[in-house]
Amino acid sequence: MIKCPILNHEIDIGECVTIVDVCDGCLKESALTDNITEVENWKEICRACQYHEN
């Protein structure tokens, strides 16, 4: 489990990978749950996260 700065709670690594892949354009946004895309500047938050490049 890792702390996601977009959701401000812990998520599993698989969900993190999906979020990163959408952020980087590898997957469509439809792969995400709505609560991610409702966060303003979610992509910038994701890119700044320590887990983004891991």
C-alpha atoms as a PDB file:
ATOM      1  CA  MET A   1       0.000   0.000   0.000  1.00  0.00           C
ATOM      2  CA  ILE A   2       1.173   3.508  -0.794  1.00  0.00           C
ATOM      3  CA  LYS A   3      -0.189   6.926   0.101  1.00  0.00           C
ATOM      4  CA  CYS A   4      -1.671   8.559  -2.997  1.00  0.00           C
ATOM      5  CA  PRO A   5      -1.395  12.360  -2.916  1.00  0.00           C
ATOM      6  CA  ILE A   6      -4.351  12.679  -5.302  1.00  0.00           C
ATOM      7  CA  LEU A   7      -6.770  10.777  -3.068  1.00  0.00           C
ATOM      8  CA  ASN A   8      -5.021  11.481   0.248  1.00  0.00           C
ATOM      9  CA  HIS A   9      -5.309   7.858   1.342  1.00  0.00           C
ATOM     10  CA  GLU A  10      -3.555   4.540   0.785  1.00  0.00           C
ATOM     11  CA  ILE A  11      -4.057   2.608  -2.451  1.00  0.00           C
ATOM     12  CA  ASP A  12      -2.539  -0.616  -3.719  1.00  0.00           C
ATOM     13  CA  ILE A  13       0.352  -0.508  -6.153  1.00  0.00           C
ATOM     14  CA  GLY A  14      -1.789  -1.778  -9.027  1.00  0.00           C
ATOM     15  CA  GLU A  15      -4.124   1.201  -8.761  1.00  0.00           C
ATOM     16  CA  CYS A  16      -1.106   3.501  -8.617  1.00  0.00           C
ATOM     17  CA  VAL A  17       0.309   1.980 -11.807  1.00  0.00           C
ATOM     18  CA  THR A  18      -3.031   2.494 -13.563  1.00  0.00           C
ATOM     19  CA  ILE A  19      -3.168   6.143 -12.486  1.00  0.00           C
ATOM     20  CA  VAL A  20       0.420   6.725 -13.659  1.00  0.00           C
ATOM     21  CA  ASP A  21      -0.277   5.012 -16.988  1.00  0.00           C
ATOM     22  CA  VAL A  22      -3.301   7.228 -17.608  1.00  0.00           C
ATOM     23  CA  CYS A  23      -1.339  10.300 -16.539  1.00  0.00           C
ATOM     24  CA  ASP A  24       1.412   9.404 -19.025  1.00  0.00           C
ATOM     25  CA  GLY A  25      -1.070   8.741 -21.834  1.00  0.00           C
ATOM     26  CA  CYS A  26      -0.612   4.958 -21.987  1.00  0.00           C
ATOM     27  CA  LEU A  27      -4.227   4.241 -20.974  1.00  0.00           C
ATOM     28  CA  LYS A  28      -7.492   6.095 -21.520  1.00  0.00           C
ATOM     29  CA  GLU A  29      -9.025   8.082 -18.669  1.00  0.00           C
ATOM     30  CA  SER A  30     -11.934   5.645 -18.651  1.00  0.00           C
ATOM     31  CA  ALA A  31      -9.594   3.207 -16.857  1.00  0.00           C
ATOM     32  CA  LEU A  32      -9.768   5.446 -13.774  1.00  0.00           C
ATOM     33  CA  THR A  33     -12.435   5.794 -11.148  1.00  0.00           C
ATOM     34  CA  ASP A  34     -14.292   9.098 -11.268  1.00  0.00           C
ATOM     35  CA  ASN A  35     -12.883  10.307  -7.972  1.00  0.00           C
ATOM     36  CA  ILE A  36      -9.405  10.615  -9.534  1.00  0.00           C
ATOM     37  CA  THR A  37     -10.414  12.803 -12.464  1.00  0.00           C
ATOM     38  CA  GLU A  38     -12.588  14.993 -10.251  1.00  0.00           C
ATOM     39  CA  VAL A  39      -9.476  16.230  -8.428  1.00  0.00           C
ATOM     40  CA  GLU A  40      -8.252  19.489  -9.926  1.00  0.00           C
ATOM     41  CA  ASN A  41      -4.735  19.194 -11.396  1.00  0.00           C
ATOM     42  CA  TRP A  42      -4.612  15.431 -10.720  1.00  0.00           C
ATOM     43  CA  LYS A  43      -2.036  14.877 -13.464  1.00  0.00           C
ATOM     44  CA  GLU A  44       0.348  17.468 -12.009  1.00  0.00           C
ATOM     45  CA  ILE A  45      -0.105  15.946  -8.554  1.00  0.00           C
ATOM     46  CA  CYS A  46       0.655  12.498  -9.977  1.00  0.00           C
ATOM     47  CA  ARG A  47       3.756  13.666 -11.865  1.00  0.00           C
ATOM     48  CA  ALA A  48       5.112  15.294  -8.682  1.00  0.00           C
ATOM     49  CA  CYS A  49       4.571  12.142  -6.603  1.00  0.00           C
ATOM     50  CA  GLN A  50       7.616  10.218  -5.428  1.00  0.00           C
ATOM     51  CA  TYR A  51       6.108   7.011  -6.858  1.00  0.00           C
ATOM     52  CA  HIS A  52       5.453   8.349 -10.365  1.00  0.00           C
ATOM     53  CA  GLU A  53       8.703   7.106 -11.889  1.00  0.00           C
ATOM     54  CA  ASN A  54       8.984   3.912  -9.829  1.00  0.00           C
END
